[in-house]
Amino acid sequence: MTQLPPITVSSLDLERLYSLLAKLPSDNFVSAVALENELGRANVLNPDEIPPDVVTMRSMVRFVINPSGKEFELVLCYPDEIDDNPNKVSILAPIGAAILGLSVGQEIEWPAPGGGHVSVRIIAVTWQPERVGMLAL
């Protein structure tokens, strides 16, 4: 795998995500390890310091997956926020943990479901709660 790109996470997201990890059942071990690894390498900023092009929790983000070239626009959510809306992705899903903290233009290689790897590149952060002052609970 290639070198991982730098990521930025808000102190609020970091606190909430570590709390989530502490409560996860053991059958979520793989997801928890992947997320914990990402959090451990993050540059942490106060929420009001997060640049507008960084993927935070509850951001709406447009990205492309390669080699397929397929584009998606999804909201990065906590597991309890996932519902029937197909435009949401959990932070515990491989793609969710992969995009957290990335900036527009950054790319990361990530394990694909079923084996192998895919590349994920951020195209746009179309909405970010830190930028609009909506630090919802």
C-alpha atoms as a PDB file:
ATOM      1  CA  MET A   1       0.000   0.000   0.000  1.00  0.00           C
ATOM      2  CA  THR A   2       1.176   3.574  -0.696  1.00  0.00           C
ATOM      3  CA  GLN A   3       1.994   6.109   1.993  1.00  0.00           C
ATOM      4  CA  LEU A   4      -1.089   7.411   3.789  1.00  0.00           C
ATOM      5  CA  PRO A   5      -1.977  11.066   3.200  1.00  0.00           C
ATOM      6  CA  PRO A   6      -2.104  13.450   6.162  1.00  0.00           C
ATOM      7  CA  ILE A   7      -5.549  13.892   7.698  1.00  0.00           C
ATOM      8  CA  THR A   8      -7.163  16.527   9.912  1.00  0.00           C
ATOM      9  CA  VAL A   9      -9.851  15.812  12.509  1.00  0.00           C
ATOM     10  CA  SER A  10     -11.680  18.217  14.802  1.00  0.00           C
ATOM     11  CA  SER A  11     -11.201  17.782  18.532  1.00  0.00           C
ATOM     12  CA  LEU A  12     -14.980  17.384  18.846  1.00  0.00           C
ATOM     13  CA  ASP A  13     -15.085  14.560  16.279  1.00  0.00           C
ATOM     14  CA  LEU A  14     -12.044  12.927  17.886  1.00  0.00           C
ATOM     15  CA  GLU A  15     -13.673  12.901  21.322  1.00  0.00           C
ATOM     16  CA  ARG A  16     -16.955  11.527  19.970  1.00  0.00           C
ATOM     17  CA  LEU A  17     -15.245   8.869  17.864  1.00  0.00           C
ATOM     18  CA  TYR A  18     -13.084   7.603  20.732  1.00  0.00           C
ATOM     19  CA  SER A  19     -16.255   7.401  22.835  1.00  0.00           C
ATOM     20  CA  LEU A  20     -17.905   5.398  20.051  1.00  0.00           C
ATOM     21  CA  LEU A  21     -14.919   3.037  19.849  1.00  0.00           C
ATOM     22  CA  ALA A  22     -15.045   2.422  23.605  1.00  0.00           C
ATOM     23  CA  LYS A  23     -18.669   1.271  23.320  1.00  0.00           C
ATOM     24  CA  LEU A  24     -18.336  -0.997  20.274  1.00  0.00           C
ATOM     25  CA  PRO A  25     -19.010  -4.722  20.692  1.00  0.00           C
ATOM     26  CA  SER A  26     -16.147  -7.097  19.921  1.00  0.00           C
ATOM     27  CA  ASP A  27     -17.709  -8.176  16.603  1.00  0.00           C
ATOM     28  CA  ASN A  28     -16.801  -4.729  15.214  1.00  0.00           C
ATOM     29  CA  PHE A  29     -13.095  -5.312  15.872  1.00  0.00           C
ATOM     30  CA  VAL A  30     -11.885  -4.828  12.275  1.00  0.00           C
ATOM     31  CA  SER A  31     -13.852  -1.599  11.819  1.00  0.00           C
ATOM     32  CA  ALA A  32     -12.698  -0.321  15.198  1.00  0.00           C
ATOM     33  CA  VAL A  33      -9.028  -1.006  14.469  1.00  0.00           C
ATOM     34  CA  ALA A  34      -9.208   0.741  11.091  1.00  0.00           C
ATOM     35  CA  LEU A  35     -10.862   3.800  12.599  1.00  0.00           C
ATOM     36  CA  GLU A  36      -8.529   3.886  15.595  1.00  0.00           C
ATOM     37  CA  ASN A  37      -5.513   3.744  13.274  1.00  0.00           C
ATOM     38  CA  GLU A  38      -6.844   6.719  11.327  1.00  0.00           C
ATOM     39  CA  LEU A  39      -7.532   8.736  14.479  1.00  0.00           C
ATOM     40  CA  GLY A  40      -4.077   7.974  15.830  1.00  0.00           C
ATOM     41  CA  ARG A  41      -2.361   9.619  12.873  1.00  0.00           C
ATOM     42  CA  ALA A  42      -4.653  12.658  12.620  1.00  0.00           C
ATOM     43  CA  ASN A  43      -3.702  16.295  12.996  1.00  0.00           C
ATOM     44  CA  VAL A  44      -6.268  17.548  15.554  1.00  0.00           C
ATOM     45  CA  LEU A  45      -7.703  21.076  15.370  1.00  0.00           C
ATOM     46  CA  ASN A  46     -10.487  22.921  17.164  1.00  0.00           C
ATOM     47  CA  PRO A  47     -13.753  22.734  15.192  1.00  0.00           C
ATOM     48  CA  ASP A  48     -13.594  26.415  14.218  1.00  0.00           C
ATOM     49  CA  GLU A  49     -10.092  25.890  12.765  1.00  0.00           C
ATOM     50  CA  ILE A  50     -11.059  23.079  10.368  1.00  0.00           C
ATOM     51  CA  PRO A  51     -10.548  24.184   6.744  1.00  0.00           C
ATOM     52  CA  PRO A  52     -13.705  24.116   4.601  1.00  0.00           C
ATOM     53  CA  ASP A  53     -12.291  21.446   2.277  1.00  0.00           C
ATOM     54  CA  VAL A  54     -11.756  18.788   5.009  1.00  0.00           C
ATOM     55  CA  VAL A  55     -14.097  15.820   5.479  1.00  0.00           C
ATOM     56  CA  THR A  56     -15.495  15.896   9.012  1.00  0.00           C
ATOM     57  CA  MET A  57     -18.234  13.913  10.673  1.00  0.00           C
ATOM     58  CA  ARG A  58     -21.601  14.817   9.153  1.00  0.00           C
ATOM     59  CA  SER A  59     -19.937  16.386   6.112  1.00  0.00           C
ATOM     60  CA  MET A  60     -21.454  15.834   2.708  1.00  0.00           C
ATOM     61  CA  VAL A  61     -18.594  14.746   0.502  1.00  0.00           C
ATOM     62  CA  ARG A  62     -18.237  13.946  -3.179  1.00  0.00           C
ATOM     63  CA  PHE A  63     -15.576  11.380  -4.030  1.00  0.00           C
ATOM     64  CA  VAL A  64     -14.523   9.003  -6.774  1.00  0.00           C
ATOM     65  CA  ILE A  65     -13.532   5.377  -6.350  1.00  0.00           C
ATOM     66  CA  ASN A  66     -10.928   3.931  -8.680  1.00  0.00           C
ATOM     67  CA  PRO A  67     -10.386   1.796 -10.642  1.00  0.00           C
ATOM     68  CA  SER A  68     -14.139   1.983 -11.407  1.00  0.00           C
ATOM     69  CA  GLY A  69     -14.251   5.790 -11.696  1.00  0.00           C
ATOM     70  CA  LYS A  70     -17.648   5.789 -10.001  1.00  0.00           C
ATOM     71  CA  GLU A  71     -18.556   9.004  -8.165  1.00  0.00           C
ATOM     72  CA  PHE A  72     -20.574   9.219  -4.964  1.00  0.00           C
ATOM     73  CA  GLU A  73     -21.897  12.035  -2.788  1.00  0.00           C
ATOM     74  CA  LEU A  74     -22.532  10.846   0.760  1.00  0.00           C
ATOM     75  CA  VAL A  75     -22.872  12.174   4.290  1.00  0.00           C
ATOM     76  CA  LEU A  76     -20.348  10.706   6.738  1.00  0.00           C
ATOM     77  CA  CYS A  77     -22.406   9.587   9.756  1.00  0.00           C
ATOM     78  CA  TYR A  78     -22.182   7.958  13.133  1.00  0.00           C
ATOM     79  CA  PRO A  79     -23.604   4.409  13.111  1.00  0.00           C
ATOM     80  CA  ASP A  80     -26.782   5.420  14.978  1.00  0.00           C
ATOM     81  CA  GLU A  81     -27.544   8.033  12.289  1.00  0.00           C
ATOM     82  CA  ILE A  82     -27.738   5.487   9.484  1.00  0.00           C
ATOM     83  CA  ASP A  83     -31.286   4.976   8.254  1.00  0.00           C
ATOM     84  CA  ASP A  84     -32.916   4.142   4.945  1.00  0.00           C
ATOM     85  CA  ASN A  85     -31.258   7.121   3.272  1.00  0.00           C
ATOM     86  CA  PRO A  86     -28.874   5.696   0.643  1.00  0.00           C
ATOM     87  CA  ASN A  87     -26.842   8.925   0.731  1.00  0.00           C
ATOM     88  CA  LYS A  88     -25.277   8.165   4.115  1.00  0.00           C
ATOM     89  CA  VAL A  89     -22.193   6.152   5.004  1.00  0.00           C
ATOM     90  CA  SER A  90     -21.155   5.057   8.493  1.00  0.00           C
ATOM     91  CA  ILE A  91     -17.772   5.991   9.901  1.00  0.00           C
ATOM     92  CA  LEU A  92     -17.431   2.260  10.675  1.00  0.00           C
ATOM     93  CA  ALA A  93     -17.746   1.299   7.005  1.00  0.00           C
ATOM     94  CA  PRO A  94     -14.341   0.941   5.312  1.00  0.00           C
ATOM     95  CA  ILE A  95     -15.040   3.871   2.998  1.00  0.00           C
ATOM     96  CA  GLY A  96     -16.233   6.001   5.930  1.00  0.00           C
ATOM     97  CA  ALA A  97     -13.033   5.534   7.906  1.00  0.00           C
ATOM     98  CA  ALA A  98     -11.034   6.065   4.699  1.00  0.00           C
ATOM     99  CA  ILE A  99     -12.439   9.506   3.877  1.00  0.00           C
ATOM    100  CA  LEU A 100     -12.456  10.997   7.393  1.00  0.00           C
ATOM    101  CA  GLY A 101     -10.044  13.909   7.608  1.00  0.00           C
ATOM    102  CA  LEU A 102      -9.073  13.974   3.940  1.00  0.00           C
ATOM    103  CA  SER A 103      -9.025  17.249   2.013  1.00  0.00           C
ATOM    104  CA  VAL A 104     -10.254  17.967  -1.490  1.00  0.00           C
ATOM    105  CA  GLY A 105      -7.782  16.494  -3.975  1.00  0.00           C
ATOM    106  CA  GLN A 106      -6.327  13.953  -1.559  1.00  0.00           C
ATOM    107  CA  GLU A 107      -6.419  10.258  -2.356  1.00  0.00           C
ATOM    108  CA  ILE A 108      -6.084   7.179  -0.187  1.00  0.00           C
ATOM    109  CA  GLU A 109      -5.776   3.492  -0.986  1.00  0.00           C
ATOM    110  CA  TRP A 110      -8.073   1.346   1.147  1.00  0.00           C
ATOM    111  CA  PRO A 111      -8.985  -2.345   1.454  1.00  0.00           C
ATOM    112  CA  ALA A 112     -11.932  -3.223  -0.781  1.00  0.00           C
ATOM    113  CA  PRO A 113     -14.804  -5.411   0.352  1.00  0.00           C
ATOM    114  CA  GLY A 114     -14.028  -8.910  -0.856  1.00  0.00           C
ATOM    115  CA  GLY A 115     -10.278  -8.317  -1.041  1.00  0.00           C
ATOM    116  CA  GLY A 116      -7.849  -6.134  -2.923  1.00  0.00           C
ATOM    117  CA  HIS A 117      -7.629  -2.378  -2.689  1.00  0.00           C
ATOM    118  CA  VAL A 118      -9.408   0.624  -4.127  1.00  0.00           C
ATOM    119  CA  SER A 119      -8.343   4.229  -4.376  1.00  0.00           C
ATOM    120  CA  VAL A 120     -10.621   6.956  -3.033  1.00  0.00           C
ATOM    121  CA  ARG A 121     -10.118  10.600  -4.122  1.00  0.00           C
ATOM    122  CA  ILE A 122     -12.016  13.527  -2.592  1.00  0.00           C
ATOM    123  CA  ILE A 123     -13.606  15.793  -5.208  1.00  0.00           C
ATOM    124  CA  ALA A 124     -15.540  18.221  -2.981  1.00  0.00           C
ATOM    125  CA  VAL A 125     -16.826  18.824   0.520  1.00  0.00           C
ATOM    126  CA  THR A 126     -20.252  20.237  -0.319  1.00  0.00           C
ATOM    127  CA  TRP A 127     -21.382  20.771   3.284  1.00  0.00           C
ATOM    128  CA  GLN A 128     -19.529  20.759   6.566  1.00  0.00           C
ATOM    129  CA  PRO A 129     -21.135  21.340   9.980  1.00  0.00           C
ATOM    130  CA  GLU A 130     -18.090  23.090  11.457  1.00  0.00           C
ATOM    131  CA  ARG A 131     -18.189  25.679   8.678  1.00  0.00           C
ATOM    132  CA  VAL A 132     -21.817  26.618   9.220  1.00  0.00           C
ATOM    133  CA  GLY A 133     -21.696  26.626  13.012  1.00  0.00           C
ATOM    134  CA  MET A 134     -23.930  23.586  13.424  1.00  0.00           C
ATOM    135  CA  LEU A 135     -22.113  21.477  15.983  1.00  0.00           C
ATOM    136  CA  ALA A 136     -25.069  19.192  16.586  1.00  0.00           C
ATOM    137  CA  LEU A 137     -24.979  16.689  19.387  1.00  0.00           C
END
